[in-house]
N, C-alpha and C. Protein backbone atom coordinates (compact mmCIF):
# COMPACT_ATOMS: atom_id res chain seq x y z
N MET A 1 0.84 -1.19 0.00
CA MET A 1 0.00 0.00 0.00
C MET A 1 0.88 1.24 0.00
N GLY A 2 0.63 2.19 -0.90
CA GLY A 2 1.49 3.34 -1.06
C GLY A 2 1.32 4.37 0.02
N ASN A 3 2.24 5.38 0.00
CA ASN A 3 2.19 6.44 0.99
C ASN A 3 0.93 7.27 0.86
N HIS A 4 0.47 7.47 -0.41
CA HIS A 4 -0.74 8.26 -0.62
C HIS A 4 -1.95 7.61 0.03
N SER A 5 -2.04 6.26 -0.14
CA SER A 5 -3.16 5.52 0.46
C SER A 5 -3.11 5.59 1.97
N CYS A 6 -1.90 5.41 2.54
CA CYS A 6 -1.75 5.45 4.00
C CYS A 6 -2.12 6.83 4.53
N SER A 7 -1.71 7.87 3.78
CA SER A 7 -2.01 9.23 4.21
C SER A 7 -3.50 9.48 4.23
N ALA A 8 -4.19 9.00 3.19
CA ALA A 8 -5.64 9.18 3.13
C ALA A 8 -6.33 8.45 4.27
N LEU A 9 -5.85 7.22 4.57
CA LEU A 9 -6.42 6.44 5.67
C LEU A 9 -6.21 7.15 6.99
N THR A 10 -4.99 7.66 7.19
CA THR A 10 -4.67 8.34 8.45
C THR A 10 -5.55 9.55 8.66
N GLN A 11 -5.76 10.34 7.61
CA GLN A 11 -6.60 11.53 7.72
C GLN A 11 -8.03 11.14 8.05
N TRP A 12 -8.51 10.08 7.42
CA TRP A 12 -9.89 9.64 7.68
C TRP A 12 -10.07 9.17 9.11
N LEU A 13 -9.08 8.41 9.61
CA LEU A 13 -9.17 7.93 10.99
C LEU A 13 -9.13 9.08 11.98
N LYS A 14 -8.33 10.10 11.69
CA LYS A 14 -8.25 11.24 12.60
C LYS A 14 -9.60 11.95 12.68
N LEU A 15 -10.29 12.00 11.56
CA LEU A 15 -11.61 12.63 11.56
C LEU A 15 -12.59 11.86 12.43
N ILE A 16 -12.52 10.51 12.29
CA ILE A 16 -13.44 9.67 13.06
C ILE A 16 -13.07 9.66 14.54
N GLU A 17 -11.79 9.38 14.83
CA GLU A 17 -11.37 9.25 16.22
C GLU A 17 -11.46 10.57 16.96
N GLY A 18 -11.30 11.69 16.26
CA GLY A 18 -11.40 13.00 16.89
C GLY A 18 -12.83 13.48 16.98
N LYS A 19 -13.77 12.64 16.56
CA LYS A 19 -15.19 12.96 16.62
C LYS A 19 -15.51 14.24 15.86
N LYS A 20 -14.76 14.45 14.76
CA LYS A 20 -15.02 15.62 13.94
C LYS A 20 -16.01 15.32 12.81
N VAL A 21 -16.39 14.04 12.73
CA VAL A 21 -17.38 13.66 11.72
C VAL A 21 -18.66 13.27 12.44
N ASN A 22 -19.73 13.99 12.22
CA ASN A 22 -21.01 13.60 12.80
C ASN A 22 -21.84 12.90 11.74
N ALA A 23 -23.03 12.49 12.11
CA ALA A 23 -23.85 11.72 11.19
C ALA A 23 -24.14 12.48 9.92
N HIS A 24 -24.36 13.79 10.03
CA HIS A 24 -24.69 14.58 8.85
C HIS A 24 -23.51 14.67 7.91
N LYS A 25 -22.31 14.93 8.46
CA LYS A 25 -21.13 15.03 7.63
C LYS A 25 -20.79 13.69 7.01
N ALA A 26 -20.96 12.62 7.78
CA ALA A 26 -20.64 11.29 7.26
C ALA A 26 -21.53 10.95 6.08
N SER A 27 -22.78 11.39 6.11
CA SER A 27 -23.70 11.07 5.04
C SER A 27 -23.36 11.82 3.76
N ARG A 28 -22.53 12.87 3.88
CA ARG A 28 -22.19 13.66 2.71
C ARG A 28 -20.75 13.46 2.24
N ALA A 29 -19.95 12.75 3.06
CA ALA A 29 -18.54 12.58 2.72
C ALA A 29 -18.41 11.68 1.51
N LYS A 30 -17.75 12.14 0.48
CA LYS A 30 -17.60 11.39 -0.75
C LYS A 30 -16.41 10.45 -0.67
N VAL A 31 -16.66 9.17 -0.89
CA VAL A 31 -15.58 8.21 -0.89
C VAL A 31 -14.65 8.48 -2.05
N GLY A 32 -15.19 8.92 -3.17
CA GLY A 32 -14.36 9.20 -4.32
C GLY A 32 -13.31 10.24 -4.02
N GLY A 33 -13.61 11.19 -3.12
CA GLY A 33 -12.64 12.21 -2.77
C GLY A 33 -11.73 11.80 -1.65
N GLN A 34 -12.23 10.96 -0.72
CA GLN A 34 -11.47 10.61 0.47
C GLN A 34 -10.63 9.35 0.27
N LEU A 35 -11.25 8.30 -0.31
CA LEU A 35 -10.58 7.01 -0.39
C LEU A 35 -10.67 6.43 -1.79
N PRO A 36 -10.09 7.05 -2.81
CA PRO A 36 -10.23 6.58 -4.17
C PRO A 36 -9.60 5.22 -4.41
N PHE A 37 -8.59 4.85 -3.60
CA PHE A 37 -7.90 3.59 -3.85
C PHE A 37 -8.77 2.39 -3.51
N LEU A 38 -9.89 2.59 -2.82
CA LEU A 38 -10.77 1.47 -2.49
C LEU A 38 -11.69 1.12 -3.65
N GLY A 39 -11.66 1.88 -4.73
CA GLY A 39 -12.47 1.58 -5.89
C GLY A 39 -13.92 1.95 -5.73
N LEU A 40 -14.22 2.93 -4.86
CA LEU A 40 -15.60 3.31 -4.61
C LEU A 40 -15.90 4.69 -5.15
N THR A 41 -15.16 5.11 -6.19
CA THR A 41 -15.33 6.43 -6.74
C THR A 41 -16.78 6.66 -7.15
N GLY A 42 -17.31 7.82 -6.76
CA GLY A 42 -18.66 8.19 -7.14
C GLY A 42 -19.70 7.83 -6.11
N LEU A 43 -19.32 7.05 -5.10
CA LEU A 43 -20.26 6.69 -4.05
C LEU A 43 -19.92 7.48 -2.81
N ASP A 44 -20.89 7.75 -1.97
CA ASP A 44 -20.57 8.39 -0.70
C ASP A 44 -20.65 7.35 0.39
N CYS A 45 -19.97 7.62 1.56
CA CYS A 45 -19.81 6.61 2.60
C CYS A 45 -21.10 6.35 3.35
N ALA A 46 -22.18 7.04 3.04
CA ALA A 46 -23.46 6.76 3.69
C ALA A 46 -24.54 6.47 2.67
N MET A 47 -24.12 5.91 1.50
CA MET A 47 -25.06 5.52 0.46
C MET A 47 -25.97 6.67 0.06
N LYS A 48 -25.33 7.82 -0.22
CA LYS A 48 -26.03 8.99 -0.73
C LYS A 48 -27.22 9.39 0.14
N ASN A 49 -26.92 9.55 1.42
CA ASN A 49 -27.89 10.06 2.40
C ASN A 49 -29.02 9.08 2.74
N ARG A 50 -28.94 7.82 2.29
CA ARG A 50 -30.02 6.86 2.59
C ARG A 50 -29.83 6.24 3.97
N ILE A 51 -28.57 6.28 4.45
CA ILE A 51 -28.32 5.76 5.80
C ILE A 51 -28.31 6.93 6.75
N THR A 52 -29.17 6.93 7.71
CA THR A 52 -29.26 8.04 8.65
C THR A 52 -29.31 7.52 10.07
N GLY A 53 -29.16 8.47 11.02
CA GLY A 53 -29.31 8.12 12.44
C GLY A 53 -28.38 7.02 12.86
N ALA A 54 -28.93 6.00 13.53
CA ALA A 54 -28.14 4.91 14.10
C ALA A 54 -27.39 4.14 13.03
N ALA A 55 -28.00 3.97 11.86
CA ALA A 55 -27.35 3.22 10.78
C ALA A 55 -26.08 3.92 10.33
N THR A 56 -26.12 5.26 10.27
CA THR A 56 -24.93 6.00 9.87
C THR A 56 -23.82 5.87 10.90
N ILE A 57 -24.18 5.97 12.16
CA ILE A 57 -23.19 5.82 13.23
C ILE A 57 -22.58 4.42 13.19
N GLN A 58 -23.42 3.43 12.92
CA GLN A 58 -22.92 2.06 12.81
C GLN A 58 -21.92 1.93 11.67
N ALA A 59 -22.21 2.59 10.55
CA ALA A 59 -21.30 2.56 9.41
C ALA A 59 -19.96 3.17 9.77
N ILE A 60 -19.98 4.23 10.58
CA ILE A 60 -18.74 4.88 10.99
C ILE A 60 -17.89 3.94 11.83
N TYR A 61 -18.54 3.23 12.77
CA TYR A 61 -17.81 2.29 13.61
C TYR A 61 -17.13 1.21 12.75
N LEU A 62 -17.90 0.66 11.79
CA LEU A 62 -17.35 -0.39 10.95
C LEU A 62 -16.21 0.13 10.09
N LEU A 63 -16.38 1.33 9.55
CA LEU A 63 -15.33 1.92 8.72
C LEU A 63 -14.07 2.17 9.53
N ALA A 64 -14.23 2.64 10.76
CA ALA A 64 -13.07 2.91 11.61
C ALA A 64 -12.30 1.63 11.87
N ALA A 65 -13.02 0.54 12.15
CA ALA A 65 -12.35 -0.74 12.42
C ALA A 65 -11.62 -1.23 11.18
N ALA A 66 -12.27 -1.10 10.01
CA ALA A 66 -11.64 -1.54 8.77
C ALA A 66 -10.39 -0.72 8.48
N MET A 67 -10.46 0.59 8.74
CA MET A 67 -9.31 1.44 8.49
C MET A 67 -8.12 1.07 9.36
N LEU A 68 -8.39 0.65 10.62
CA LEU A 68 -7.30 0.25 11.50
C LEU A 68 -6.53 -0.93 10.93
N LEU A 69 -7.28 -1.89 10.35
CA LEU A 69 -6.63 -3.04 9.76
C LEU A 69 -5.85 -2.65 8.52
N LEU A 70 -6.43 -1.77 7.71
CA LEU A 70 -5.74 -1.34 6.49
C LEU A 70 -4.48 -0.56 6.81
N LEU A 71 -4.55 0.27 7.85
CA LEU A 71 -3.37 1.04 8.24
C LEU A 71 -2.24 0.14 8.73
N SER A 72 -2.62 -0.97 9.37
CA SER A 72 -1.60 -1.88 9.87
C SER A 72 -0.80 -2.50 8.73
N ALA A 73 -1.38 -2.47 7.51
CA ALA A 73 -0.69 -3.04 6.36
C ALA A 73 0.17 -2.02 5.63
N CYS A 74 0.09 -0.75 5.99
CA CYS A 74 0.85 0.29 5.31
C CYS A 74 2.34 0.06 5.51
N GLY A 75 3.06 0.00 4.44
CA GLY A 75 4.50 -0.17 4.53
C GLY A 75 4.90 -1.58 4.95
N PHE A 76 3.96 -2.51 4.98
CA PHE A 76 4.27 -3.86 5.45
C PHE A 76 5.07 -4.63 4.41
N GLN A 77 6.04 -5.37 4.88
CA GLN A 77 6.82 -6.25 4.01
C GLN A 77 6.96 -7.58 4.70
N LEU A 78 6.70 -8.64 3.97
CA LEU A 78 6.73 -9.97 4.55
C LEU A 78 8.10 -10.27 5.11
N ARG A 79 8.16 -10.62 6.38
CA ARG A 79 9.42 -10.94 7.02
C ARG A 79 9.94 -12.24 6.44
N GLY A 80 11.20 -12.24 6.06
CA GLY A 80 11.79 -13.45 5.49
C GLY A 80 11.77 -13.42 3.98
N ALA A 81 10.95 -12.56 3.36
CA ALA A 81 10.86 -12.52 1.92
C ALA A 81 12.17 -12.09 1.30
N ASN A 82 12.95 -11.26 2.02
CA ASN A 82 14.23 -10.80 1.51
C ASN A 82 15.40 -11.45 2.25
N GLY A 83 15.09 -12.48 3.07
CA GLY A 83 16.14 -13.21 3.78
C GLY A 83 16.56 -12.57 5.09
N SER A 84 15.99 -11.40 5.44
CA SER A 84 16.41 -10.70 6.65
C SER A 84 15.91 -11.38 7.92
N ALA A 85 14.86 -12.18 7.80
CA ALA A 85 14.33 -12.87 8.98
C ALA A 85 14.04 -14.32 8.64
N ALA A 86 14.95 -14.94 7.84
CA ALA A 86 14.76 -16.31 7.40
C ALA A 86 14.80 -17.26 8.59
N LEU A 87 14.00 -18.30 8.54
CA LEU A 87 13.98 -19.29 9.61
C LEU A 87 15.24 -20.16 9.52
N PRO A 88 15.72 -20.65 10.66
CA PRO A 88 16.95 -21.45 10.68
C PRO A 88 16.71 -22.91 10.32
N PHE A 89 15.63 -23.21 9.61
CA PHE A 89 15.31 -24.58 9.22
C PHE A 89 14.93 -24.60 7.74
N GLN A 90 15.29 -25.68 7.09
CA GLN A 90 14.86 -25.85 5.70
C GLN A 90 13.45 -26.42 5.64
N THR A 91 13.11 -27.22 6.65
CA THR A 91 11.78 -27.82 6.71
C THR A 91 11.23 -27.75 8.13
N VAL A 92 9.95 -27.49 8.26
CA VAL A 92 9.28 -27.49 9.57
C VAL A 92 7.95 -28.21 9.45
N TYR A 93 7.51 -28.74 10.57
CA TYR A 93 6.19 -29.37 10.64
C TYR A 93 5.35 -28.58 11.64
N LEU A 94 4.13 -28.24 11.25
CA LEU A 94 3.24 -27.49 12.12
C LEU A 94 2.25 -28.44 12.78
N SER A 95 2.41 -28.62 14.08
CA SER A 95 1.49 -29.47 14.84
C SER A 95 0.32 -28.61 15.33
N PHE A 96 -0.57 -28.29 14.39
CA PHE A 96 -1.75 -27.48 14.65
C PHE A 96 -2.98 -28.25 14.17
N PRO A 97 -4.15 -27.99 14.75
CA PRO A 97 -5.37 -28.58 14.19
C PRO A 97 -5.54 -28.17 12.73
N GLU A 98 -6.08 -29.05 11.91
CA GLU A 98 -6.24 -28.75 10.49
C GLU A 98 -7.10 -27.52 10.25
N THR A 99 -8.04 -27.27 11.15
CA THR A 99 -8.96 -26.14 10.98
C THR A 99 -8.45 -24.86 11.63
N SER A 100 -7.24 -24.90 12.18
CA SER A 100 -6.69 -23.73 12.88
C SER A 100 -6.40 -22.60 11.90
N ALA A 101 -7.06 -21.46 12.09
CA ALA A 101 -6.80 -20.29 11.25
C ALA A 101 -5.38 -19.79 11.46
N LEU A 102 -4.91 -19.87 12.70
CA LEU A 102 -3.54 -19.44 13.01
C LEU A 102 -2.54 -20.33 12.30
N GLY A 103 -2.75 -21.64 12.35
CA GLY A 103 -1.85 -22.57 11.68
C GLY A 103 -1.81 -22.36 10.18
N ASN A 104 -2.96 -22.15 9.57
CA ASN A 104 -3.02 -21.92 8.13
C ASN A 104 -2.33 -20.62 7.74
N GLU A 105 -2.50 -19.58 8.59
CA GLU A 105 -1.86 -18.30 8.31
C GLU A 105 -0.34 -18.41 8.46
N LEU A 106 0.09 -19.12 9.49
CA LEU A 106 1.52 -19.32 9.70
C LEU A 106 2.13 -20.11 8.54
N LYS A 107 1.42 -21.13 8.08
CA LYS A 107 1.90 -21.93 6.95
C LYS A 107 2.05 -21.07 5.69
N ARG A 108 1.09 -20.19 5.47
CA ARG A 108 1.14 -19.32 4.30
C ARG A 108 2.37 -18.41 4.33
N TYR A 109 2.64 -17.85 5.50
CA TYR A 109 3.79 -16.95 5.64
C TYR A 109 5.11 -17.70 5.47
N ILE A 110 5.18 -18.92 6.00
CA ILE A 110 6.41 -19.69 5.87
C ILE A 110 6.66 -20.05 4.40
N HIS A 111 5.61 -20.46 3.71
CA HIS A 111 5.74 -20.75 2.27
C HIS A 111 6.23 -19.52 1.52
N ALA A 112 5.68 -18.36 1.87
CA ALA A 112 6.02 -17.12 1.16
C ALA A 112 7.45 -16.68 1.42
N SER A 113 8.06 -17.16 2.50
CA SER A 113 9.43 -16.75 2.81
C SER A 113 10.42 -17.24 1.76
N GLY A 114 10.09 -18.39 1.15
CA GLY A 114 10.94 -18.92 0.09
C GLY A 114 12.18 -19.64 0.58
N THR A 115 12.41 -19.66 1.89
CA THR A 115 13.61 -20.31 2.43
C THR A 115 13.30 -21.57 3.23
N THR A 116 12.04 -21.74 3.61
CA THR A 116 11.63 -22.89 4.43
C THR A 116 10.35 -23.48 3.85
N SER A 117 10.29 -24.80 3.85
CA SER A 117 9.08 -25.48 3.39
C SER A 117 8.40 -26.16 4.57
N VAL A 118 7.10 -26.36 4.45
CA VAL A 118 6.31 -26.99 5.51
C VAL A 118 6.12 -28.46 5.17
N SER A 119 6.60 -29.35 6.05
CA SER A 119 6.49 -30.79 5.84
C SER A 119 5.10 -31.29 6.22
N THR A 120 4.76 -32.42 5.66
CA THR A 120 3.46 -33.03 5.97
C THR A 120 3.53 -33.96 7.17
N ASP A 121 4.74 -34.23 7.66
CA ASP A 121 4.88 -35.08 8.84
C ASP A 121 6.11 -34.63 9.63
N ALA A 122 6.11 -34.98 10.91
CA ALA A 122 7.18 -34.53 11.80
C ALA A 122 8.49 -35.26 11.54
N ILE A 123 8.42 -36.48 11.04
CA ILE A 123 9.63 -37.29 10.84
C ILE A 123 10.57 -36.66 9.82
N SER A 124 10.00 -36.12 8.76
CA SER A 124 10.83 -35.57 7.68
C SER A 124 11.22 -34.12 7.91
N ALA A 125 10.75 -33.52 8.99
CA ALA A 125 11.02 -32.09 9.24
C ALA A 125 12.20 -31.91 10.19
N GLN A 126 12.94 -30.85 10.00
CA GLN A 126 14.04 -30.53 10.90
C GLN A 126 13.54 -30.04 12.25
N ALA A 127 12.37 -29.44 12.27
CA ALA A 127 11.80 -28.93 13.52
C ALA A 127 10.28 -29.03 13.48
N THR A 128 9.70 -29.14 14.67
CA THR A 128 8.24 -29.19 14.80
C THR A 128 7.78 -28.04 15.68
N ILE A 129 6.84 -27.28 15.16
CA ILE A 129 6.22 -26.20 15.94
C ILE A 129 4.92 -26.74 16.49
N GLU A 130 4.84 -26.86 17.79
CA GLU A 130 3.69 -27.50 18.44
C GLU A 130 2.82 -26.48 19.16
N LEU A 131 1.57 -26.41 18.76
CA LEU A 131 0.62 -25.52 19.43
C LEU A 131 0.09 -26.23 20.68
N LEU A 132 0.34 -25.63 21.84
CA LEU A 132 -0.10 -26.22 23.11
C LEU A 132 -1.47 -25.71 23.52
N SER A 133 -1.74 -24.43 23.28
CA SER A 133 -3.04 -23.87 23.61
C SER A 133 -3.27 -22.57 22.85
N GLU A 134 -4.51 -22.23 22.66
CA GLU A 134 -4.90 -21.00 21.99
C GLU A 134 -6.23 -20.54 22.57
N SER A 135 -6.30 -19.30 23.03
CA SER A 135 -7.52 -18.85 23.69
C SER A 135 -7.75 -17.35 23.50
N ARG A 136 -9.01 -16.97 23.65
CA ARG A 136 -9.42 -15.57 23.63
C ARG A 136 -10.06 -15.24 24.98
N GLU A 137 -9.90 -13.99 25.37
CA GLU A 137 -10.47 -13.57 26.65
C GLU A 137 -10.89 -12.10 26.57
N LYS A 138 -12.00 -11.79 27.23
CA LYS A 138 -12.50 -10.42 27.26
C LYS A 138 -12.64 -9.98 28.72
N ILE A 139 -12.03 -8.83 29.05
CA ILE A 139 -12.08 -8.32 30.42
C ILE A 139 -12.63 -6.89 30.39
N ILE A 140 -13.60 -6.64 31.25
CA ILE A 140 -14.20 -5.31 31.32
C ILE A 140 -13.23 -4.33 31.97
N LEU A 141 -13.02 -3.20 31.33
CA LEU A 141 -12.12 -2.18 31.86
C LEU A 141 -12.85 -1.13 32.68
N SER A 142 -14.02 -0.72 32.20
CA SER A 142 -14.74 0.35 32.89
C SER A 142 -16.24 0.23 32.63
N ARG A 143 -17.00 0.85 33.53
CA ARG A 143 -18.46 0.89 33.40
C ARG A 143 -18.93 2.34 33.51
N ASN A 144 -20.13 2.61 32.99
CA ASN A 144 -20.68 3.96 33.08
C ASN A 144 -21.40 4.14 34.42
N ALA A 145 -22.04 5.28 34.60
CA ALA A 145 -22.71 5.59 35.87
C ALA A 145 -23.84 4.62 36.17
N GLN A 146 -24.40 4.01 35.12
CA GLN A 146 -25.50 3.05 35.31
C GLN A 146 -25.00 1.62 35.52
N GLY A 147 -23.67 1.47 35.57
CA GLY A 147 -23.11 0.14 35.80
C GLY A 147 -22.98 -0.69 34.54
N ARG A 148 -23.27 -0.10 33.39
CA ARG A 148 -23.17 -0.84 32.14
C ARG A 148 -21.74 -0.76 31.60
N GLU A 149 -21.37 -1.80 30.90
CA GLU A 149 -20.01 -1.87 30.34
C GLU A 149 -19.76 -0.71 29.38
N ARG A 150 -18.59 -0.08 29.52
CA ARG A 150 -18.23 1.04 28.66
C ARG A 150 -16.99 0.74 27.81
N GLU A 151 -16.08 -0.05 28.36
CA GLU A 151 -14.85 -0.37 27.64
C GLU A 151 -14.32 -1.71 28.14
N HIS A 152 -13.76 -2.50 27.22
CA HIS A 152 -13.15 -3.76 27.65
C HIS A 152 -11.91 -4.06 26.83
N SER A 153 -11.12 -5.00 27.33
CA SER A 153 -9.88 -5.42 26.67
C SER A 153 -10.07 -6.81 26.08
N LEU A 154 -9.53 -6.98 24.89
CA LEU A 154 -9.54 -8.29 24.23
C LEU A 154 -8.14 -8.88 24.32
N PHE A 155 -8.05 -10.13 24.76
CA PHE A 155 -6.77 -10.81 24.86
C PHE A 155 -6.75 -12.02 23.93
N TYR A 156 -5.64 -12.19 23.27
CA TYR A 156 -5.43 -13.37 22.42
C TYR A 156 -4.15 -14.04 22.90
N LYS A 157 -4.27 -15.28 23.38
CA LYS A 157 -3.14 -15.97 23.99
C LYS A 157 -2.81 -17.26 23.24
N VAL A 158 -1.55 -17.43 22.97
CA VAL A 158 -1.07 -18.64 22.29
C VAL A 158 0.13 -19.19 23.05
N ARG A 159 0.13 -20.49 23.25
CA ARG A 159 1.24 -21.15 23.94
C ARG A 159 1.77 -22.24 23.01
N LEU A 160 3.08 -22.21 22.75
CA LEU A 160 3.67 -23.18 21.83
C LEU A 160 5.10 -23.50 22.21
N ARG A 161 5.65 -24.53 21.56
CA ARG A 161 7.05 -24.89 21.75
C ARG A 161 7.58 -25.45 20.44
N VAL A 162 8.91 -25.51 20.36
CA VAL A 162 9.56 -26.00 19.14
C VAL A 162 10.52 -27.12 19.52
N LYS A 163 10.46 -28.23 18.77
CA LYS A 163 11.35 -29.38 19.01
C LYS A 163 12.06 -29.76 17.71
N ASP A 164 13.22 -30.41 17.86
CA ASP A 164 13.93 -30.89 16.68
C ASP A 164 13.57 -32.35 16.42
N LYS A 165 14.26 -32.97 15.48
CA LYS A 165 13.96 -34.36 15.11
C LYS A 165 14.16 -35.34 16.26
N GLN A 166 15.12 -35.02 17.11
CA GLN A 166 15.42 -35.90 18.25
C GLN A 166 14.53 -35.60 19.46
N ASN A 167 13.53 -34.79 19.26
CA ASN A 167 12.58 -34.42 20.31
C ASN A 167 13.18 -33.51 21.37
N ASN A 168 14.31 -32.88 21.05
CA ASN A 168 14.92 -31.92 21.97
C ASN A 168 14.21 -30.57 21.80
N GLU A 169 14.03 -29.89 22.90
CA GLU A 169 13.36 -28.59 22.84
C GLU A 169 14.31 -27.51 22.34
N LEU A 170 13.95 -26.92 21.22
CA LEU A 170 14.69 -25.77 20.71
C LEU A 170 14.14 -24.48 21.30
N MET A 171 12.86 -24.50 21.59
CA MET A 171 12.21 -23.40 22.30
C MET A 171 11.22 -23.99 23.28
N PRO A 172 11.43 -23.80 24.58
CA PRO A 172 10.51 -24.37 25.57
C PRO A 172 9.13 -23.75 25.46
N ALA A 173 8.18 -24.36 26.15
CA ALA A 173 6.81 -23.85 26.11
C ALA A 173 6.79 -22.35 26.40
N THR A 174 6.26 -21.60 25.47
CA THR A 174 6.25 -20.13 25.54
C THR A 174 4.86 -19.59 25.29
N GLU A 175 4.44 -18.67 26.13
CA GLU A 175 3.12 -18.05 25.93
C GLU A 175 3.29 -16.64 25.37
N ILE A 176 2.54 -16.36 24.33
CA ILE A 176 2.53 -15.03 23.72
C ILE A 176 1.14 -14.45 23.94
N VAL A 177 1.09 -13.25 24.51
CA VAL A 177 -0.20 -12.61 24.82
C VAL A 177 -0.29 -11.28 24.08
N LEU A 178 -1.37 -11.10 23.35
CA LEU A 178 -1.64 -9.84 22.65
C LEU A 178 -2.92 -9.23 23.21
N LYS A 179 -2.99 -7.89 23.18
CA LYS A 179 -4.12 -7.20 23.78
C LYS A 179 -4.58 -6.04 22.90
N ARG A 180 -5.89 -5.85 22.83
CA ARG A 180 -6.47 -4.71 22.17
C ARG A 180 -7.62 -4.18 23.05
N ASP A 181 -7.71 -2.86 23.19
CA ASP A 181 -8.80 -2.23 23.94
C ASP A 181 -9.89 -1.78 22.96
N ILE A 182 -11.14 -1.88 23.40
CA ILE A 182 -12.25 -1.51 22.54
C ILE A 182 -13.37 -0.92 23.40
N SER A 183 -13.98 0.15 22.92
CA SER A 183 -15.11 0.74 23.64
C SER A 183 -16.37 -0.06 23.31
N PHE A 184 -17.38 0.08 24.17
CA PHE A 184 -18.63 -0.66 23.95
C PHE A 184 -19.81 0.31 23.95
N ASN A 185 -20.71 0.09 23.01
CA ASN A 185 -21.92 0.90 22.90
C ASN A 185 -23.09 -0.04 22.74
N GLU A 186 -23.94 -0.11 23.74
CA GLU A 186 -25.04 -1.07 23.69
C GLU A 186 -26.05 -0.73 22.60
N GLY A 187 -25.96 0.47 22.06
CA GLY A 187 -26.84 0.84 20.95
C GLY A 187 -26.28 0.41 19.61
N GLN A 188 -25.03 -0.08 19.61
CA GLN A 188 -24.37 -0.50 18.38
C GLN A 188 -23.76 -1.89 18.56
N VAL A 189 -24.57 -2.83 19.05
CA VAL A 189 -24.06 -4.15 19.40
C VAL A 189 -23.49 -4.89 18.19
N ILE A 190 -24.23 -4.90 17.08
CA ILE A 190 -23.78 -5.63 15.89
C ILE A 190 -22.48 -5.05 15.35
N ALA A 191 -22.42 -3.71 15.29
CA ALA A 191 -21.21 -3.06 14.79
C ALA A 191 -20.01 -3.38 15.67
N LYS A 192 -20.22 -3.40 16.98
CA LYS A 192 -19.13 -3.68 17.91
C LYS A 192 -18.66 -5.14 17.82
N GLU A 193 -19.61 -6.04 17.56
CA GLU A 193 -19.23 -7.44 17.38
C GLU A 193 -18.35 -7.61 16.15
N LYS A 194 -18.68 -6.90 15.10
CA LYS A 194 -17.88 -6.95 13.87
C LYS A 194 -16.50 -6.33 14.12
N GLU A 195 -16.49 -5.26 14.90
CA GLU A 195 -15.21 -4.62 15.22
C GLU A 195 -14.32 -5.56 16.03
N GLU A 196 -14.93 -6.31 16.95
CA GLU A 196 -14.18 -7.29 17.73
C GLU A 196 -13.57 -8.35 16.82
N ASP A 197 -14.36 -8.83 15.87
CA ASP A 197 -13.86 -9.84 14.94
C ASP A 197 -12.66 -9.32 14.16
N LEU A 198 -12.74 -8.06 13.73
CA LEU A 198 -11.63 -7.45 13.00
C LEU A 198 -10.38 -7.33 13.86
N LEU A 199 -10.58 -6.97 15.13
CA LEU A 199 -9.44 -6.83 16.03
C LEU A 199 -8.79 -8.18 16.32
N TYR A 200 -9.61 -9.22 16.48
CA TYR A 200 -9.05 -10.55 16.71
C TYR A 200 -8.28 -11.02 15.47
N ARG A 201 -8.80 -10.69 14.29
CA ARG A 201 -8.10 -11.05 13.06
C ARG A 201 -6.76 -10.32 12.97
N ASP A 202 -6.78 -9.06 13.37
CA ASP A 202 -5.54 -8.29 13.38
C ASP A 202 -4.54 -8.88 14.37
N MET A 203 -5.03 -9.30 15.54
CA MET A 203 -4.15 -9.91 16.53
C MET A 203 -3.59 -11.24 16.03
N ARG A 204 -4.38 -11.98 15.28
CA ARG A 204 -3.89 -13.25 14.73
C ARG A 204 -2.74 -13.01 13.75
N ASN A 205 -2.89 -11.99 12.90
CA ASN A 205 -1.80 -11.64 11.99
C ASN A 205 -0.56 -11.21 12.76
N ASP A 206 -0.78 -10.43 13.82
CA ASP A 206 0.34 -9.99 14.67
C ASP A 206 0.99 -11.20 15.34
N MET A 207 0.16 -12.16 15.76
CA MET A 207 0.68 -13.36 16.42
C MET A 207 1.60 -14.14 15.49
N VAL A 208 1.23 -14.24 14.22
CA VAL A 208 2.07 -14.93 13.24
C VAL A 208 3.44 -14.27 13.18
N GLN A 209 3.46 -12.94 13.15
CA GLN A 209 4.73 -12.22 13.11
C GLN A 209 5.55 -12.45 14.39
N GLN A 210 4.86 -12.49 15.52
CA GLN A 210 5.56 -12.75 16.79
C GLN A 210 6.21 -14.13 16.77
N ILE A 211 5.48 -15.12 16.27
CA ILE A 211 6.00 -16.49 16.20
C ILE A 211 7.19 -16.55 15.25
N LEU A 212 7.07 -15.92 14.09
CA LEU A 212 8.15 -15.95 13.12
C LEU A 212 9.42 -15.31 13.66
N ARG A 213 9.25 -14.22 14.42
CA ARG A 213 10.42 -13.56 14.99
C ARG A 213 11.14 -14.47 16.00
N ARG A 214 10.36 -15.18 16.78
CA ARG A 214 10.96 -16.11 17.75
C ARG A 214 11.66 -17.27 17.05
N LEU A 215 11.05 -17.75 15.98
CA LEU A 215 11.67 -18.86 15.24
C LEU A 215 12.96 -18.41 14.57
N ALA A 216 12.94 -17.20 14.02
CA ALA A 216 14.13 -16.68 13.34
C ALA A 216 15.30 -16.50 14.30
N ALA A 217 14.99 -16.33 15.58
CA ALA A 217 16.04 -16.09 16.58
C ALA A 217 16.68 -17.41 17.06
N LEU A 218 16.08 -18.53 16.68
CA LEU A 218 16.62 -19.82 17.13
C LEU A 218 17.85 -20.20 16.31
N ASN A 219 18.76 -20.91 16.96
CA ASN A 219 19.93 -21.43 16.27
C ASN A 219 19.69 -22.89 15.92
N LYS A 220 20.28 -23.31 14.82
CA LYS A 220 20.17 -24.72 14.45
C LYS A 220 20.87 -25.59 15.51
N SER A 221 20.24 -26.67 15.83
CA SER A 221 20.85 -27.56 16.82
C SER A 221 21.89 -28.45 16.15
């Protein structure tokens, strides 16, 4: 994503986060002028004034969450693609459930590195990355005067270890914890649920990078 796109995203987020965009302004903001790289030229971000009131506010929440994810990709370069963070193994086996989104994402990044391949079994691999646990947690941070939830923290926790062919531990059981804070609005429940999903997806991508960095730091046994 280019600097122009990142700049446009940053300006848009500042408008939203600074509460400088109200429902009326949002209904008139032209996507063609603000975010042309999204391919929405000629449309406005509130469907030409058809979305009003709560629906418009909901759209703003969703757009803000999407922009956070897009901004995280600005200037991103796959670690290992240029050899700067290559893994110290030619082959690895991922001991993850087949349906694990984290495992599939990690496999994709390892393949893209071009220096390490993912084996289909542990016997033929130089190292095995074993997922011990994976969990999500939500903790309330604050409540309003009526005792209702106002803000909470999202936690994404992964515990794993790495072993070689001889079953020696190259990396002992290690827990990685990621956190994101999110406000809550009981009038925008659906929008907030979608925002949570986006944040967890962002944390999963971050978790892959955290794992890759730890693997790259290991020495061959």
